[in-house]
Amino acid sequence: MAIDPERPFQPIAIALLTVSDTRTPADDTSGDILAGRITAKGHSLAARTIERDDVPALVARLSGWLDDPEIDCIITTGGTGLTGRDVTPEALEQLKVANSGKDIPGFGELFRWLSYQTIGTSTVQSRALAILAQGKYIFALPGSNGAVKDGWDGILNEQLDSRNRPCNFVELMPRLKEV
């Protein structure tokens, strides 16, 4: 895998959602890390907010972003653990079913493999995942600073770069709504 300098970089518009009952804009460090990496790469931060761990609230926020033609992709951070309040995967499942979407199982598998290199077997507690709904990617990362770095630096940095070879998520975007 490598960046092909002959191909043009295609910036995309990314919405960023922090899922937390406790974080505020003042202490959303994982959201800050992702926002910084998104814009440093050359993409635009189309929207950013914090939403509590609540399935209906998450589904409503994400549905609005799926309907927004100015948003190409969504990244969430938080709510992917095992506790009762961790409900991001359940919200994404509802979106996937409601929109005849698809799972992207390799994302969660690769995330946990990368995370294992950093935190060892504790990575089994992560339910990081990705889906495709309404022709848009939604990537759900855990809420720790280390996890968002692993997810962005190890996967999304390359896969959201149109120059990445042999293939990338961006080049598939025009075909994601095919029937």
N, C-alpha and C. Protein backbone atom coordinates (compact mmCIF):
# COMPACT_ATOMS: atom_id res chain seq x y z
N MET A 1 0.84 -1.18 0.00
CA MET A 1 0.00 0.00 0.00
C MET A 1 0.88 1.24 0.00
N ALA A 2 0.46 2.18 -0.79
CA ALA A 2 1.24 3.41 -0.87
C ALA A 2 0.40 4.52 -1.46
N ILE A 3 0.83 5.71 -1.19
CA ILE A 3 0.19 6.88 -1.78
C ILE A 3 0.76 7.05 -3.19
N ASP A 4 -0.13 7.15 -4.16
CA ASP A 4 0.27 7.34 -5.55
C ASP A 4 0.27 8.84 -5.84
N PRO A 5 1.46 9.45 -5.99
CA PRO A 5 1.54 10.89 -6.21
C PRO A 5 0.95 11.33 -7.55
N GLU A 6 0.71 10.40 -8.45
CA GLU A 6 0.11 10.73 -9.75
C GLU A 6 -1.40 10.97 -9.65
N ARG A 7 -2.00 10.49 -8.57
CA ARG A 7 -3.45 10.64 -8.40
C ARG A 7 -3.73 11.92 -7.60
N PRO A 8 -4.81 12.61 -7.90
CA PRO A 8 -5.15 13.82 -7.14
C PRO A 8 -5.77 13.46 -5.78
N PHE A 9 -5.52 14.29 -4.80
CA PHE A 9 -6.15 14.14 -3.49
C PHE A 9 -7.57 14.69 -3.59
N GLN A 10 -8.55 13.94 -3.13
CA GLN A 10 -9.94 14.36 -3.13
C GLN A 10 -10.38 14.59 -1.69
N PRO A 11 -10.49 15.82 -1.25
CA PRO A 11 -10.97 16.04 0.11
C PRO A 11 -12.44 15.67 0.22
N ILE A 12 -12.83 15.15 1.37
CA ILE A 12 -14.23 14.84 1.63
C ILE A 12 -14.69 15.60 2.87
N ALA A 13 -15.99 15.71 3.02
CA ALA A 13 -16.59 16.39 4.17
C ALA A 13 -16.96 15.35 5.22
N ILE A 14 -16.36 15.47 6.39
CA ILE A 14 -16.53 14.48 7.46
C ILE A 14 -17.24 15.12 8.65
N ALA A 15 -18.28 14.44 9.14
CA ALA A 15 -18.97 14.86 10.36
C ALA A 15 -18.40 14.03 11.51
N LEU A 16 -18.22 14.66 12.65
CA LEU A 16 -17.59 14.03 13.81
C LEU A 16 -18.54 14.10 15.00
N LEU A 17 -18.87 12.92 15.55
CA LEU A 17 -19.78 12.84 16.68
C LEU A 17 -19.08 12.17 17.86
N THR A 18 -19.00 12.87 18.98
CA THR A 18 -18.51 12.28 20.22
C THR A 18 -19.73 11.79 20.99
N VAL A 19 -19.70 10.54 21.38
CA VAL A 19 -20.80 9.93 22.12
C VAL A 19 -20.37 9.83 23.58
N SER A 20 -21.03 10.61 24.44
CA SER A 20 -20.63 10.64 25.85
C SER A 20 -21.69 11.31 26.70
N ASP A 21 -21.86 10.78 27.90
CA ASP A 21 -22.74 11.41 28.89
C ASP A 21 -21.99 12.44 29.72
N THR A 22 -20.67 12.45 29.63
CA THR A 22 -19.87 13.29 30.53
C THR A 22 -19.00 14.32 29.83
N ARG A 23 -18.63 14.10 28.60
CA ARG A 23 -17.71 15.04 27.94
C ARG A 23 -18.43 16.30 27.50
N THR A 24 -17.65 17.37 27.49
CA THR A 24 -18.13 18.67 27.02
C THR A 24 -17.16 19.15 25.95
N PRO A 25 -17.50 20.21 25.22
CA PRO A 25 -16.53 20.74 24.25
C PRO A 25 -15.19 21.09 24.89
N ALA A 26 -15.19 21.45 26.14
CA ALA A 26 -13.94 21.83 26.81
C ALA A 26 -13.02 20.65 27.09
N ASP A 27 -13.57 19.44 27.23
CA ASP A 27 -12.73 18.29 27.58
C ASP A 27 -12.88 17.11 26.62
N ASP A 28 -13.34 17.37 25.42
CA ASP A 28 -13.50 16.32 24.41
C ASP A 28 -12.17 16.10 23.69
N THR A 29 -11.21 15.51 24.39
CA THR A 29 -9.86 15.37 23.83
C THR A 29 -9.82 14.41 22.65
N SER A 30 -10.58 13.31 22.69
CA SER A 30 -10.55 12.40 21.55
C SER A 30 -11.18 13.06 20.32
N GLY A 31 -12.25 13.83 20.53
CA GLY A 31 -12.83 14.58 19.42
C GLY A 31 -11.86 15.60 18.85
N ASP A 32 -11.11 16.27 19.75
CA ASP A 32 -10.11 17.24 19.31
C ASP A 32 -9.03 16.57 18.46
N ILE A 33 -8.59 15.39 18.90
CA ILE A 33 -7.56 14.66 18.15
C ILE A 33 -8.06 14.34 16.74
N LEU A 34 -9.26 13.79 16.66
CA LEU A 34 -9.81 13.45 15.34
C LEU A 34 -10.02 14.68 14.48
N ALA A 35 -10.59 15.73 15.05
CA ALA A 35 -10.81 16.96 14.28
C ALA A 35 -9.50 17.49 13.71
N GLY A 36 -8.46 17.46 14.53
CA GLY A 36 -7.15 17.92 14.08
C GLY A 36 -6.59 17.08 12.95
N ARG A 37 -6.75 15.77 13.07
CA ARG A 37 -6.23 14.87 12.03
C ARG A 37 -7.05 15.00 10.74
N ILE A 38 -8.35 15.16 10.85
CA ILE A 38 -9.21 15.31 9.67
C ILE A 38 -8.78 16.54 8.87
N THR A 39 -8.65 17.67 9.54
CA THR A 39 -8.31 18.90 8.82
C THR A 39 -6.84 18.92 8.38
N ALA A 40 -5.95 18.34 9.17
CA ALA A 40 -4.53 18.29 8.77
C ALA A 40 -4.35 17.47 7.50
N LYS A 41 -5.19 16.47 7.32
CA LYS A 41 -5.12 15.64 6.12
C LYS A 41 -5.61 16.39 4.89
N GLY A 42 -6.43 17.43 5.09
CA GLY A 42 -6.95 18.19 3.97
C GLY A 42 -8.44 18.01 3.76
N HIS A 43 -9.09 17.23 4.63
CA HIS A 43 -10.54 17.06 4.55
C HIS A 43 -11.21 18.21 5.29
N SER A 44 -12.51 18.37 5.08
CA SER A 44 -13.23 19.40 5.83
C SER A 44 -14.03 18.77 6.95
N LEU A 45 -14.08 19.47 8.06
CA LEU A 45 -14.89 19.06 9.20
C LEU A 45 -16.26 19.69 8.99
N ALA A 46 -17.20 18.90 8.44
CA ALA A 46 -18.50 19.41 8.03
C ALA A 46 -19.42 19.69 9.21
N ALA A 47 -19.24 18.94 10.29
CA ALA A 47 -20.05 19.11 11.49
C ALA A 47 -19.34 18.42 12.64
N ARG A 48 -19.60 18.92 13.84
CA ARG A 48 -19.03 18.29 15.03
C ARG A 48 -19.93 18.59 16.21
N THR A 49 -20.26 17.54 16.95
CA THR A 49 -21.07 17.73 18.14
C THR A 49 -20.85 16.58 19.12
N ILE A 50 -21.43 16.73 20.30
CA ILE A 50 -21.42 15.71 21.34
C ILE A 50 -22.87 15.30 21.57
N GLU A 51 -23.11 14.01 21.64
CA GLU A 51 -24.45 13.48 21.88
C GLU A 51 -24.35 12.46 23.02
N ARG A 52 -25.35 12.45 23.88
CA ARG A 52 -25.32 11.52 25.01
C ARG A 52 -25.51 10.07 24.53
N ASP A 53 -25.18 9.13 25.40
CA ASP A 53 -25.32 7.71 25.11
C ASP A 53 -26.81 7.34 25.17
N ASP A 54 -27.50 7.52 24.07
CA ASP A 54 -28.93 7.29 24.00
C ASP A 54 -29.26 6.90 22.56
N VAL A 55 -29.77 5.69 22.37
CA VAL A 55 -29.99 5.20 21.01
C VAL A 55 -30.88 6.13 20.19
N PRO A 56 -32.07 6.53 20.66
CA PRO A 56 -32.88 7.41 19.82
C PRO A 56 -32.19 8.74 19.48
N ALA A 57 -31.47 9.31 20.43
CA ALA A 57 -30.76 10.56 20.15
C ALA A 57 -29.66 10.35 19.11
N LEU A 58 -28.93 9.25 19.23
CA LEU A 58 -27.87 8.96 18.26
C LEU A 58 -28.44 8.70 16.88
N VAL A 59 -29.50 7.91 16.82
CA VAL A 59 -30.12 7.61 15.53
C VAL A 59 -30.63 8.90 14.88
N ALA A 60 -31.24 9.77 15.66
CA ALA A 60 -31.74 11.03 15.11
C ALA A 60 -30.61 11.89 14.57
N ARG A 61 -29.54 12.06 15.34
CA ARG A 61 -28.40 12.88 14.91
C ARG A 61 -27.77 12.29 13.64
N LEU A 62 -27.50 11.00 13.67
CA LEU A 62 -26.84 10.36 12.54
C LEU A 62 -27.74 10.34 11.30
N SER A 63 -29.04 10.16 11.49
CA SER A 63 -29.98 10.19 10.36
C SER A 63 -29.96 11.56 9.69
N GLY A 64 -29.93 12.60 10.50
CA GLY A 64 -29.85 13.95 9.94
C GLY A 64 -28.60 14.14 9.11
N TRP A 65 -27.49 13.61 9.59
CA TRP A 65 -26.25 13.73 8.84
C TRP A 65 -26.27 12.86 7.58
N LEU A 66 -26.91 11.69 7.65
CA LEU A 66 -27.03 10.86 6.45
C LEU A 66 -27.85 11.57 5.38
N ASP A 67 -28.83 12.34 5.80
CA ASP A 67 -29.68 13.07 4.85
C ASP A 67 -29.03 14.35 4.32
N ASP A 68 -27.96 14.79 4.94
CA ASP A 68 -27.31 16.05 4.58
C ASP A 68 -26.38 15.84 3.37
N PRO A 69 -26.69 16.45 2.23
CA PRO A 69 -25.84 16.26 1.05
C PRO A 69 -24.45 16.88 1.19
N GLU A 70 -24.25 17.72 2.21
CA GLU A 70 -22.94 18.34 2.42
C GLU A 70 -22.00 17.47 3.25
N ILE A 71 -22.46 16.30 3.69
CA ILE A 71 -21.64 15.38 4.49
C ILE A 71 -21.40 14.11 3.69
N ASP A 72 -20.12 13.73 3.57
CA ASP A 72 -19.74 12.54 2.82
C ASP A 72 -19.53 11.31 3.69
N CYS A 73 -19.14 11.53 4.94
CA CYS A 73 -18.69 10.43 5.80
C CYS A 73 -18.88 10.87 7.25
N ILE A 74 -19.09 9.90 8.15
CA ILE A 74 -19.27 10.19 9.57
C ILE A 74 -18.31 9.35 10.38
N ILE A 75 -17.69 9.97 11.39
CA ILE A 75 -16.86 9.24 12.35
C ILE A 75 -17.42 9.53 13.73
N THR A 76 -17.63 8.47 14.51
CA THR A 76 -18.03 8.64 15.90
C THR A 76 -16.91 8.17 16.80
N THR A 77 -16.88 8.72 18.00
CA THR A 77 -15.93 8.29 19.01
C THR A 77 -16.69 8.14 20.32
N GLY A 78 -16.55 6.98 20.94
CA GLY A 78 -17.20 6.70 22.21
C GLY A 78 -18.42 5.82 22.07
N GLY A 79 -18.80 5.21 23.20
CA GLY A 79 -20.00 4.39 23.25
C GLY A 79 -19.87 3.01 22.67
N THR A 80 -18.63 2.54 22.45
CA THR A 80 -18.43 1.23 21.83
C THR A 80 -18.00 0.15 22.81
N GLY A 81 -18.03 0.46 24.10
CA GLY A 81 -17.60 -0.52 25.09
C GLY A 81 -18.69 -1.50 25.46
N LEU A 82 -18.55 -2.09 26.64
CA LEU A 82 -19.45 -3.16 27.06
C LEU A 82 -20.45 -2.76 28.14
N THR A 83 -20.33 -1.56 28.68
CA THR A 83 -21.23 -1.19 29.78
C THR A 83 -22.65 -0.93 29.26
N GLY A 84 -23.57 -0.84 30.19
CA GLY A 84 -24.96 -0.62 29.82
C GLY A 84 -25.19 0.67 29.06
N ARG A 85 -24.39 1.69 29.29
CA ARG A 85 -24.57 2.98 28.62
C ARG A 85 -23.88 3.03 27.25
N ASP A 86 -23.07 2.05 26.92
CA ASP A 86 -22.38 2.02 25.63
C ASP A 86 -23.33 1.49 24.56
N VAL A 87 -23.89 2.40 23.75
CA VAL A 87 -24.95 2.00 22.81
C VAL A 87 -24.70 2.42 21.36
N THR A 88 -23.49 2.87 21.04
CA THR A 88 -23.23 3.28 19.66
C THR A 88 -23.46 2.13 18.67
N PRO A 89 -22.97 0.91 18.93
CA PRO A 89 -23.24 -0.17 17.97
C PRO A 89 -24.73 -0.45 17.77
N GLU A 90 -25.51 -0.32 18.83
CA GLU A 90 -26.95 -0.56 18.71
C GLU A 90 -27.60 0.52 17.84
N ALA A 91 -27.16 1.76 17.98
CA ALA A 91 -27.68 2.84 17.14
C ALA A 91 -27.31 2.61 15.68
N LEU A 92 -26.06 2.21 15.43
CA LEU A 92 -25.65 1.96 14.05
C LEU A 92 -26.39 0.77 13.45
N GLU A 93 -26.70 -0.23 14.26
CA GLU A 93 -27.48 -1.36 13.76
C GLU A 93 -28.86 -0.90 13.30
N GLN A 94 -29.50 -0.02 14.07
CA GLN A 94 -30.80 0.51 13.68
C GLN A 94 -30.70 1.28 12.36
N LEU A 95 -29.66 2.09 12.23
CA LEU A 95 -29.47 2.84 10.99
C LEU A 95 -29.24 1.92 9.81
N LYS A 96 -28.44 0.90 10.02
CA LYS A 96 -28.13 -0.04 8.95
C LYS A 96 -29.41 -0.73 8.47
N VAL A 97 -30.21 -1.23 9.40
CA VAL A 97 -31.44 -1.93 9.05
C VAL A 97 -32.43 -0.98 8.37
N ALA A 98 -32.61 0.21 8.92
CA ALA A 98 -33.57 1.17 8.38
C ALA A 98 -33.20 1.65 6.99
N ASN A 99 -31.92 1.59 6.66
CA ASN A 99 -31.44 2.11 5.37
C ASN A 99 -30.93 1.03 4.43
N SER A 100 -31.27 -0.23 4.72
CA SER A 100 -30.76 -1.35 3.91
C SER A 100 -29.26 -1.23 3.73
N GLY A 101 -28.58 -0.93 4.82
CA GLY A 101 -27.14 -0.72 4.78
C GLY A 101 -26.34 -2.01 4.84
N LYS A 102 -25.05 -1.85 4.98
CA LYS A 102 -24.13 -2.99 5.00
C LYS A 102 -23.13 -2.82 6.13
N ASP A 103 -22.74 -3.94 6.70
CA ASP A 103 -21.61 -3.95 7.64
C ASP A 103 -20.32 -3.87 6.85
N ILE A 104 -19.29 -3.30 7.48
CA ILE A 104 -17.94 -3.32 6.94
C ILE A 104 -17.09 -4.04 7.99
N PRO A 105 -17.18 -5.37 8.06
CA PRO A 105 -16.57 -6.11 9.16
C PRO A 105 -15.05 -5.95 9.26
N GLY A 106 -14.39 -5.78 8.13
CA GLY A 106 -12.93 -5.65 8.16
C GLY A 106 -12.45 -4.46 8.97
N PHE A 107 -13.27 -3.40 9.07
CA PHE A 107 -12.86 -2.24 9.84
C PHE A 107 -12.67 -2.59 11.31
N GLY A 108 -13.67 -3.21 11.92
CA GLY A 108 -13.57 -3.58 13.33
C GLY A 108 -12.48 -4.61 13.58
N GLU A 109 -12.36 -5.55 12.66
CA GLU A 109 -11.32 -6.58 12.79
C GLU A 109 -9.93 -5.96 12.76
N LEU A 110 -9.69 -5.08 11.78
CA LEU A 110 -8.39 -4.44 11.66
C LEU A 110 -8.14 -3.50 12.84
N PHE A 111 -9.19 -2.77 13.27
CA PHE A 111 -9.02 -1.90 14.42
C PHE A 111 -8.55 -2.69 15.64
N ARG A 112 -9.21 -3.80 15.93
CA ARG A 112 -8.82 -4.58 17.11
C ARG A 112 -7.41 -5.16 16.96
N TRP A 113 -7.02 -5.53 15.75
CA TRP A 113 -5.66 -6.03 15.54
C TRP A 113 -4.65 -4.91 15.83
N LEU A 114 -4.92 -3.72 15.31
CA LEU A 114 -4.02 -2.59 15.57
C LEU A 114 -4.00 -2.24 17.05
N SER A 115 -5.16 -2.22 17.66
CA SER A 115 -5.29 -1.88 19.08
C SER A 115 -4.56 -2.90 19.96
N TYR A 116 -4.57 -4.15 19.54
CA TYR A 116 -3.87 -5.20 20.29
C TYR A 116 -2.38 -4.87 20.42
N GLN A 117 -1.83 -4.26 19.39
CA GLN A 117 -0.41 -3.88 19.40
C GLN A 117 -0.13 -2.85 20.50
N THR A 118 -1.15 -2.09 20.88
CA THR A 118 -1.00 -1.02 21.87
C THR A 118 -1.46 -1.43 23.27
N ILE A 119 -2.65 -2.07 23.35
CA ILE A 119 -3.22 -2.35 24.67
C ILE A 119 -3.41 -3.83 24.97
N GLY A 120 -2.91 -4.68 24.11
CA GLY A 120 -2.99 -6.11 24.36
C GLY A 120 -4.42 -6.63 24.34
N THR A 121 -4.66 -7.62 25.18
CA THR A 121 -5.95 -8.30 25.15
C THR A 121 -7.12 -7.42 25.59
N SER A 122 -6.86 -6.27 26.15
CA SER A 122 -7.96 -5.36 26.52
C SER A 122 -8.76 -4.93 25.29
N THR A 123 -8.21 -5.09 24.11
CA THR A 123 -8.92 -4.71 22.89
C THR A 123 -10.18 -5.53 22.67
N VAL A 124 -10.31 -6.70 23.31
CA VAL A 124 -11.52 -7.50 23.13
C VAL A 124 -12.75 -6.80 23.71
N GLN A 125 -12.55 -5.78 24.52
CA GLN A 125 -13.67 -5.04 25.10
C GLN A 125 -14.21 -3.97 24.15
N SER A 126 -13.59 -3.82 22.98
CA SER A 126 -14.01 -2.82 22.01
C SER A 126 -15.00 -3.41 21.02
N ARG A 127 -16.05 -2.65 20.74
CA ARG A 127 -17.00 -3.02 19.70
C ARG A 127 -16.92 -2.02 18.55
N ALA A 128 -15.70 -1.56 18.25
CA ALA A 128 -15.48 -0.67 17.11
C ALA A 128 -16.05 -1.33 15.86
N LEU A 129 -16.68 -0.53 15.01
CA LEU A 129 -17.30 -1.08 13.82
C LEU A 129 -17.49 -0.01 12.77
N ALA A 130 -17.91 -0.45 11.60
CA ALA A 130 -18.23 0.48 10.52
C ALA A 130 -19.39 -0.08 9.73
N ILE A 131 -20.22 0.83 9.23
CA ILE A 131 -21.34 0.45 8.36
C ILE A 131 -21.40 1.39 7.18
N LEU A 132 -22.20 0.98 6.22
CA LEU A 132 -22.54 1.81 5.08
C LEU A 132 -24.05 2.01 5.12
N ALA A 133 -24.50 3.26 5.11
CA ALA A 133 -25.93 3.56 5.12
C ALA A 133 -26.18 4.77 4.23
N GLN A 134 -27.17 4.69 3.37
CA GLN A 134 -27.51 5.77 2.44
C GLN A 134 -26.30 6.23 1.64
N GLY A 135 -25.44 5.32 1.30
CA GLY A 135 -24.28 5.65 0.49
C GLY A 135 -23.19 6.38 1.23
N LYS A 136 -23.23 6.35 2.58
CA LYS A 136 -22.20 7.02 3.38
C LYS A 136 -21.61 6.05 4.38
N TYR A 137 -20.32 6.23 4.62
CA TYR A 137 -19.64 5.45 5.63
C TYR A 137 -19.89 6.04 7.02
N ILE A 138 -20.07 5.16 8.00
CA ILE A 138 -20.06 5.57 9.40
C ILE A 138 -19.05 4.67 10.11
N PHE A 139 -18.02 5.29 10.67
CA PHE A 139 -16.98 4.58 11.40
C PHE A 139 -17.14 4.89 12.89
N ALA A 140 -17.25 3.85 13.72
CA ALA A 140 -17.44 4.03 15.16
C ALA A 140 -16.19 3.57 15.90
N LEU A 141 -15.49 4.53 16.48
CA LEU A 141 -14.27 4.27 17.23
C LEU A 141 -14.55 4.38 18.73
N PRO A 142 -13.76 3.68 19.54
CA PRO A 142 -13.86 3.89 20.99
C PRO A 142 -13.49 5.34 21.34
N GLY A 143 -13.79 5.74 22.56
CA GLY A 143 -13.62 7.13 22.96
C GLY A 143 -12.28 7.52 23.56
N SER A 144 -11.36 6.59 23.71
CA SER A 144 -10.07 6.95 24.30
C SER A 144 -9.18 7.64 23.27
N ASN A 145 -8.27 8.45 23.76
CA ASN A 145 -7.33 9.13 22.87
C ASN A 145 -6.51 8.12 22.06
N GLY A 146 -6.05 7.08 22.72
CA GLY A 146 -5.26 6.07 22.03
C GLY A 146 -6.05 5.37 20.94
N ALA A 147 -7.31 5.08 21.21
CA ALA A 147 -8.15 4.39 20.23
C ALA A 147 -8.39 5.24 18.99
N VAL A 148 -8.66 6.53 19.17
CA VAL A 148 -8.90 7.35 17.98
C VAL A 148 -7.61 7.53 17.17
N LYS A 149 -6.48 7.56 17.86
CA LYS A 149 -5.20 7.61 17.13
C LYS A 149 -5.00 6.32 16.34
N ASP A 150 -5.25 5.17 16.98
CA ASP A 150 -5.11 3.88 16.28
C ASP A 150 -6.04 3.83 15.07
N GLY A 151 -7.29 4.23 15.26
CA GLY A 151 -8.26 4.15 14.18
C GLY A 151 -7.95 5.08 13.03
N TRP A 152 -7.57 6.33 13.35
CA TRP A 152 -7.25 7.27 12.28
C TRP A 152 -5.90 6.95 11.64
N ASP A 153 -4.87 6.87 12.47
CA ASP A 153 -3.52 6.69 11.93
C ASP A 153 -3.34 5.34 11.24
N GLY A 154 -4.00 4.31 11.76
CA GLY A 154 -3.79 2.97 11.23
C GLY A 154 -4.74 2.55 10.12
N ILE A 155 -5.88 3.23 9.98
CA ILE A 155 -6.87 2.82 8.97
C ILE A 155 -7.38 4.00 8.16
N LEU A 156 -8.04 4.92 8.83
CA LEU A 156 -8.78 5.97 8.12
C LEU A 156 -7.88 6.95 7.39
N ASN A 157 -6.72 7.24 7.91
CA ASN A 157 -5.79 8.15 7.23
C ASN A 157 -5.52 7.67 5.81
N GLU A 158 -5.32 6.38 5.63
CA GLU A 158 -5.05 5.83 4.30
C GLU A 158 -6.33 5.59 3.51
N GLN A 159 -7.32 4.98 4.15
CA GLN A 159 -8.53 4.60 3.42
C GLN A 159 -9.39 5.79 3.01
N LEU A 160 -9.24 6.93 3.68
CA LEU A 160 -9.96 8.13 3.27
C LEU A 160 -9.08 9.05 2.42
N ASP A 161 -8.02 8.50 1.86
CA ASP A 161 -7.13 9.22 0.95
C ASP A 161 -7.31 8.63 -0.45
N SER A 162 -7.81 9.43 -1.36
CA SER A 162 -8.10 8.98 -2.72
C SER A 162 -6.87 8.53 -3.48
N ARG A 163 -5.70 8.84 -2.97
CA ARG A 163 -4.45 8.46 -3.65
C ARG A 163 -3.94 7.10 -3.19
N ASN A 164 -4.53 6.53 -2.15
CA ASN A 164 -4.04 5.28 -1.59
C ASN A 164 -4.26 4.12 -2.56
N ARG A 165 -3.22 3.34 -2.74
CA ARG A 165 -3.25 2.17 -3.62
C ARG A 165 -3.05 0.91 -2.80
N PRO A 166 -3.63 -0.20 -3.11
CA PRO A 166 -4.31 -0.46 -4.37
C PRO A 166 -5.75 0.03 -4.42
N CYS A 167 -6.36 0.33 -3.29
CA CYS A 167 -7.73 0.84 -3.31
C CYS A 167 -8.00 1.62 -2.03
N ASN A 168 -9.13 2.33 -2.02
CA ASN A 168 -9.48 3.15 -0.87
C ASN A 168 -10.98 3.37 -0.84
N PHE A 169 -11.49 3.83 0.31
CA PHE A 169 -12.92 4.08 0.46
C PHE A 169 -13.42 5.23 -0.42
N VAL A 170 -12.60 6.24 -0.63
CA VAL A 170 -13.05 7.43 -1.36
C VAL A 170 -13.39 7.10 -2.81
N GLU A 171 -12.58 6.28 -3.45
CA GLU A 171 -12.85 5.97 -4.86
C GLU A 171 -14.14 5.18 -5.03
N LEU A 172 -14.64 4.56 -3.97
CA LEU A 172 -15.90 3.82 -4.07
C LEU A 172 -17.13 4.71 -3.87
N MET A 173 -16.94 5.90 -3.31
CA MET A 173 -18.07 6.75 -2.96
C MET A 173 -19.07 6.98 -4.11
N PRO A 174 -18.62 7.25 -5.33
CA PRO A 174 -19.61 7.48 -6.40
C PRO A 174 -20.50 6.27 -6.68
N ARG A 175 -20.08 5.09 -6.26
CA ARG A 175 -20.83 3.86 -6.57
C ARG A 175 -21.57 3.27 -5.38
N LEU A 176 -21.54 3.93 -4.24
CA LEU A 176 -22.12 3.35 -3.03
C LEU A 176 -23.63 3.27 -3.02
N LYS A 177 -24.29 4.03 -3.87
CA LYS A 177 -25.75 3.99 -3.92
C LYS A 177 -26.28 3.15 -5.06
N GLU A 178 -25.40 2.41 -5.72
CA GLU A 178 -25.84 1.56 -6.82
C GLU A 178 -26.83 0.52 -6.33
N VAL A 179 -27.76 0.17 -7.21
CA VAL A 179 -28.72 -0.89 -6.88
C VAL A 179 -28.55 -2.07 -7.80
